[in-house]
N, C-alpha and C. Protein backbone atom coordinates (compact mmCIF):
# COMPACT_ATOMS: atom_id res chain seq x y z
N MET A 1 4.17 -3.99 33.85
CA MET A 1 3.85 -4.73 32.64
C MET A 1 2.60 -4.14 31.96
N LEU A 2 1.62 -3.78 32.77
CA LEU A 2 0.40 -3.19 32.22
C LEU A 2 0.71 -1.85 31.54
N ARG A 3 1.60 -1.07 32.15
CA ARG A 3 1.98 0.21 31.58
C ARG A 3 2.66 0.00 30.22
N GLN A 4 3.52 -1.01 30.13
CA GLN A 4 4.20 -1.29 28.86
C GLN A 4 3.20 -1.69 27.79
N ALA A 5 2.21 -2.49 28.18
CA ALA A 5 1.18 -2.90 27.21
C ALA A 5 0.38 -1.69 26.73
N GLN A 6 0.08 -0.78 27.63
CA GLN A 6 -0.67 0.43 27.25
C GLN A 6 0.17 1.30 26.32
N GLN A 7 1.46 1.42 26.60
CA GLN A 7 2.34 2.22 25.74
C GLN A 7 2.44 1.60 24.36
N LEU A 8 2.56 0.28 24.31
CA LEU A 8 2.62 -0.42 23.03
C LEU A 8 1.32 -0.19 22.26
N GLN A 9 0.20 -0.26 22.94
CA GLN A 9 -1.09 -0.05 22.29
C GLN A 9 -1.18 1.38 21.73
N GLN A 10 -0.72 2.35 22.46
CA GLN A 10 -0.73 3.73 21.98
C GLN A 10 0.16 3.90 20.76
N ARG A 11 1.33 3.29 20.79
CA ARG A 11 2.24 3.38 19.64
C ARG A 11 1.64 2.68 18.43
N MET A 12 0.98 1.55 18.66
CA MET A 12 0.33 0.84 17.55
C MET A 12 -0.77 1.70 16.94
N MET A 13 -1.53 2.38 17.76
CA MET A 13 -2.58 3.25 17.25
C MET A 13 -1.99 4.38 16.41
N ARG A 14 -0.86 4.93 16.86
CA ARG A 14 -0.20 6.00 16.09
C ARG A 14 0.27 5.48 14.73
N VAL A 15 0.84 4.27 14.73
CA VAL A 15 1.30 3.69 13.47
C VAL A 15 0.11 3.45 12.54
N GLN A 16 -0.99 2.95 13.09
CA GLN A 16 -2.19 2.73 12.27
C GLN A 16 -2.66 4.05 11.65
N GLU A 17 -2.65 5.14 12.43
CA GLU A 17 -3.04 6.44 11.91
C GLU A 17 -2.09 6.91 10.82
N GLU A 18 -0.78 6.70 11.04
CA GLU A 18 0.21 7.08 10.04
C GLU A 18 0.02 6.31 8.74
N LEU A 19 -0.35 5.04 8.86
CA LEU A 19 -0.55 4.22 7.66
C LEU A 19 -1.73 4.70 6.82
N GLU A 20 -2.69 5.36 7.46
CA GLU A 20 -3.83 5.88 6.70
C GLU A 20 -3.39 6.95 5.72
N SER A 21 -2.38 7.73 6.09
CA SER A 21 -1.94 8.80 5.19
C SER A 21 -0.68 8.44 4.40
N ALA A 22 0.03 7.40 4.81
CA ALA A 22 1.22 6.98 4.08
C ALA A 22 0.81 6.33 2.77
N THR A 23 1.58 6.58 1.73
CA THR A 23 1.24 6.02 0.43
C THR A 23 2.48 5.42 -0.25
N VAL A 24 2.20 4.52 -1.18
CA VAL A 24 3.23 4.02 -2.08
C VAL A 24 2.73 4.26 -3.50
N GLU A 25 3.66 4.54 -4.39
CA GLU A 25 3.30 4.76 -5.79
C GLU A 25 4.01 3.71 -6.63
N THR A 26 3.29 3.10 -7.52
CA THR A 26 3.87 2.11 -8.41
C THR A 26 3.48 2.44 -9.85
N THR A 27 4.23 1.86 -10.76
CA THR A 27 3.94 2.08 -12.17
C THR A 27 3.95 0.75 -12.91
N ALA A 28 3.37 0.77 -14.09
CA ALA A 28 3.39 -0.39 -14.98
C ALA A 28 3.57 0.12 -16.40
N GLY A 29 4.09 -0.74 -17.24
CA GLY A 29 4.27 -0.38 -18.65
C GLY A 29 5.24 0.76 -18.85
N GLY A 30 6.29 0.79 -18.05
CA GLY A 30 7.29 1.84 -18.20
C GLY A 30 6.79 3.20 -17.72
N GLY A 31 5.80 3.19 -16.86
CA GLY A 31 5.30 4.44 -16.29
C GLY A 31 4.04 4.98 -16.92
N VAL A 32 3.45 4.26 -17.85
CA VAL A 32 2.24 4.76 -18.51
C VAL A 32 1.00 4.61 -17.63
N VAL A 33 1.08 3.73 -16.63
CA VAL A 33 0.01 3.59 -15.64
C VAL A 33 0.64 3.73 -14.27
N LYS A 34 0.09 4.65 -13.47
CA LYS A 34 0.59 4.88 -12.11
C LYS A 34 -0.56 4.65 -11.13
N ALA A 35 -0.24 3.95 -10.04
CA ALA A 35 -1.22 3.72 -8.99
C ALA A 35 -0.64 4.18 -7.66
N VAL A 36 -1.47 4.82 -6.84
CA VAL A 36 -1.08 5.22 -5.50
C VAL A 36 -2.00 4.50 -4.52
N VAL A 37 -1.38 3.78 -3.57
CA VAL A 37 -2.13 2.99 -2.59
C VAL A 37 -1.71 3.44 -1.20
N THR A 38 -2.70 3.54 -0.29
CA THR A 38 -2.40 3.94 1.07
C THR A 38 -1.91 2.75 1.88
N GLY A 39 -1.35 3.03 3.04
CA GLY A 39 -0.91 1.98 3.95
C GLY A 39 -2.05 1.16 4.50
N LYS A 40 -3.27 1.64 4.33
CA LYS A 40 -4.45 0.89 4.75
C LYS A 40 -5.07 0.13 3.56
N LEU A 41 -4.26 -0.03 2.51
CA LEU A 41 -4.62 -0.82 1.32
C LEU A 41 -5.83 -0.28 0.56
N LYS A 42 -5.91 1.03 0.46
CA LYS A 42 -6.96 1.66 -0.34
C LYS A 42 -6.30 2.30 -1.55
N LEU A 43 -6.88 2.05 -2.72
CA LEU A 43 -6.39 2.67 -3.94
C LEU A 43 -6.77 4.14 -3.88
N GLU A 44 -5.76 5.01 -3.83
CA GLU A 44 -6.02 6.44 -3.69
C GLU A 44 -6.18 7.12 -5.04
N SER A 45 -5.33 6.73 -5.99
CA SER A 45 -5.46 7.33 -7.32
C SER A 45 -4.83 6.42 -8.36
N ILE A 46 -5.25 6.67 -9.58
CA ILE A 46 -4.67 5.95 -10.71
C ILE A 46 -4.56 6.94 -11.87
N GLU A 47 -3.42 6.93 -12.53
CA GLU A 47 -3.21 7.81 -13.68
C GLU A 47 -2.86 6.94 -14.88
N ILE A 48 -3.46 7.28 -16.01
CA ILE A 48 -3.21 6.54 -17.24
C ILE A 48 -2.80 7.53 -18.32
N ASP A 49 -1.66 7.28 -18.92
CA ASP A 49 -1.17 8.13 -20.01
C ASP A 49 -2.14 7.97 -21.19
N PRO A 50 -2.68 9.06 -21.70
CA PRO A 50 -3.64 8.98 -22.80
C PRO A 50 -3.11 8.24 -24.03
N GLU A 51 -1.80 8.20 -24.19
CA GLU A 51 -1.24 7.52 -25.37
C GLU A 51 -1.49 6.02 -25.36
N VAL A 52 -1.74 5.42 -24.20
CA VAL A 52 -1.97 3.98 -24.16
C VAL A 52 -3.46 3.62 -24.24
N VAL A 53 -4.30 4.62 -24.34
CA VAL A 53 -5.74 4.37 -24.44
C VAL A 53 -6.11 4.24 -25.92
N THR A 54 -6.22 2.99 -26.34
CA THR A 54 -6.62 2.72 -27.72
C THR A 54 -7.76 1.72 -27.69
N PRO A 55 -8.84 2.02 -28.39
CA PRO A 55 -10.01 1.13 -28.37
C PRO A 55 -9.72 -0.29 -28.88
N ASP A 56 -8.70 -0.44 -29.72
CA ASP A 56 -8.43 -1.76 -30.27
C ASP A 56 -7.51 -2.60 -29.39
N ASP A 57 -7.06 -2.07 -28.24
CA ASP A 57 -6.20 -2.85 -27.36
C ASP A 57 -6.56 -2.60 -25.88
N VAL A 58 -7.82 -2.77 -25.56
CA VAL A 58 -8.30 -2.55 -24.20
C VAL A 58 -7.69 -3.57 -23.23
N GLU A 59 -7.47 -4.78 -23.71
CA GLU A 59 -6.89 -5.82 -22.85
C GLU A 59 -5.53 -5.43 -22.31
N MET A 60 -4.70 -4.83 -23.14
CA MET A 60 -3.38 -4.41 -22.68
C MET A 60 -3.51 -3.37 -21.57
N LEU A 61 -4.39 -2.42 -21.75
CA LEU A 61 -4.60 -1.38 -20.74
C LEU A 61 -5.11 -2.00 -19.44
N GLN A 62 -6.03 -2.93 -19.54
CA GLN A 62 -6.54 -3.61 -18.35
C GLN A 62 -5.41 -4.33 -17.62
N ASP A 63 -4.55 -5.01 -18.36
CA ASP A 63 -3.42 -5.71 -17.76
C ASP A 63 -2.47 -4.75 -17.05
N LEU A 64 -2.22 -3.59 -17.66
CA LEU A 64 -1.34 -2.60 -17.04
C LEU A 64 -1.94 -2.05 -15.75
N VAL A 65 -3.23 -1.78 -15.78
CA VAL A 65 -3.91 -1.28 -14.57
C VAL A 65 -3.84 -2.32 -13.47
N LEU A 66 -4.15 -3.57 -13.79
CA LEU A 66 -4.07 -4.64 -12.79
C LEU A 66 -2.67 -4.77 -12.22
N ALA A 67 -1.67 -4.71 -13.08
CA ALA A 67 -0.28 -4.85 -12.62
C ALA A 67 0.09 -3.71 -11.68
N ALA A 68 -0.27 -2.49 -12.02
CA ALA A 68 0.07 -1.34 -11.18
C ALA A 68 -0.65 -1.41 -9.84
N VAL A 69 -1.92 -1.74 -9.85
CA VAL A 69 -2.70 -1.81 -8.60
C VAL A 69 -2.21 -2.95 -7.72
N ASN A 70 -2.01 -4.12 -8.30
CA ASN A 70 -1.53 -5.26 -7.50
C ASN A 70 -0.15 -5.00 -6.91
N ASP A 71 0.72 -4.37 -7.68
CA ASP A 71 2.05 -4.04 -7.17
C ASP A 71 1.93 -3.02 -6.04
N GLY A 72 1.05 -2.06 -6.20
CA GLY A 72 0.84 -1.06 -5.15
C GLY A 72 0.31 -1.69 -3.87
N LEU A 73 -0.63 -2.60 -4.00
CA LEU A 73 -1.17 -3.28 -2.82
C LEU A 73 -0.10 -4.10 -2.11
N GLU A 74 0.72 -4.77 -2.89
CA GLU A 74 1.80 -5.58 -2.31
C GLU A 74 2.81 -4.69 -1.56
N LYS A 75 3.19 -3.58 -2.19
CA LYS A 75 4.15 -2.69 -1.55
C LYS A 75 3.55 -2.03 -0.30
N ALA A 76 2.26 -1.72 -0.33
CA ALA A 76 1.61 -1.12 0.84
C ALA A 76 1.56 -2.13 1.99
N GLN A 77 1.31 -3.40 1.68
CA GLN A 77 1.33 -4.43 2.71
C GLN A 77 2.71 -4.58 3.31
N GLU A 78 3.73 -4.55 2.46
CA GLU A 78 5.11 -4.65 2.94
C GLU A 78 5.46 -3.46 3.84
N MET A 79 5.01 -2.26 3.44
CA MET A 79 5.27 -1.07 4.23
C MET A 79 4.61 -1.19 5.61
N ALA A 80 3.34 -1.61 5.63
CA ALA A 80 2.62 -1.75 6.90
C ALA A 80 3.28 -2.80 7.78
N ALA A 81 3.67 -3.92 7.20
CA ALA A 81 4.31 -4.98 7.97
C ALA A 81 5.65 -4.50 8.53
N SER A 82 6.40 -3.76 7.74
CA SER A 82 7.69 -3.25 8.18
C SER A 82 7.53 -2.30 9.36
N ARG A 83 6.55 -1.43 9.27
CA ARG A 83 6.33 -0.47 10.37
C ARG A 83 5.87 -1.17 11.64
N MET A 84 5.04 -2.17 11.50
CA MET A 84 4.59 -2.91 12.67
C MET A 84 5.73 -3.73 13.26
N ASN A 85 6.58 -4.30 12.41
CA ASN A 85 7.73 -5.07 12.90
C ASN A 85 8.70 -4.18 13.67
N GLN A 86 8.86 -2.94 13.21
CA GLN A 86 9.71 -2.00 13.94
C GLN A 86 9.13 -1.75 15.34
N LEU A 87 7.84 -1.68 15.41
CA LEU A 87 7.16 -1.39 16.66
C LEU A 87 7.20 -2.57 17.62
N THR A 88 6.98 -3.77 17.08
CA THR A 88 6.88 -4.95 17.94
C THR A 88 8.19 -5.71 18.06
N GLY A 89 9.22 -5.24 17.40
CA GLY A 89 10.51 -5.93 17.46
C GLY A 89 10.49 -7.27 16.77
N GLY A 90 9.63 -7.41 15.77
CA GLY A 90 9.56 -8.66 15.01
C GLY A 90 8.61 -9.68 15.60
N LEU A 91 8.01 -9.38 16.76
CA LEU A 91 7.05 -10.28 17.38
C LEU A 91 5.80 -10.36 16.52
N ASN A 92 5.41 -11.53 16.13
CA ASN A 92 4.25 -11.70 15.26
C ASN A 92 2.97 -11.69 16.10
N ILE A 93 2.22 -10.59 16.01
CA ILE A 93 0.96 -10.46 16.74
C ILE A 93 -0.15 -10.50 15.70
N PRO A 94 -0.99 -11.53 15.70
CA PRO A 94 -2.05 -11.66 14.69
C PRO A 94 -2.97 -10.46 14.65
N GLY A 95 -3.35 -10.07 13.43
CA GLY A 95 -4.32 -8.99 13.26
C GLY A 95 -3.73 -7.60 13.24
N LEU A 96 -2.42 -7.43 13.34
CA LEU A 96 -1.84 -6.08 13.36
C LEU A 96 -1.61 -5.52 11.98
N THR A 97 -1.42 -6.36 10.99
CA THR A 97 -1.18 -5.82 9.64
C THR A 97 -2.23 -6.31 8.69
């Protein structure tokens, strides 16, 4: 039993390392704003099409950025949870994701 727990711990550590480099990309506004988020929920990059940058409509751009980032964070959380569920067989272990 102890050996199985150690193996599970090693696999969990590998998944955690993989999540650091795994990314999801999301878009908003038909692709004019793109956000890339890592599996560790860090915003890695954001791209904004220069055509949507207008001084008279900053609010719209802010909304698009928020939408892209929030969607990226949500998808990254889902990805991390899915990978952990594969590892634990659906067993809910607090603090893993």
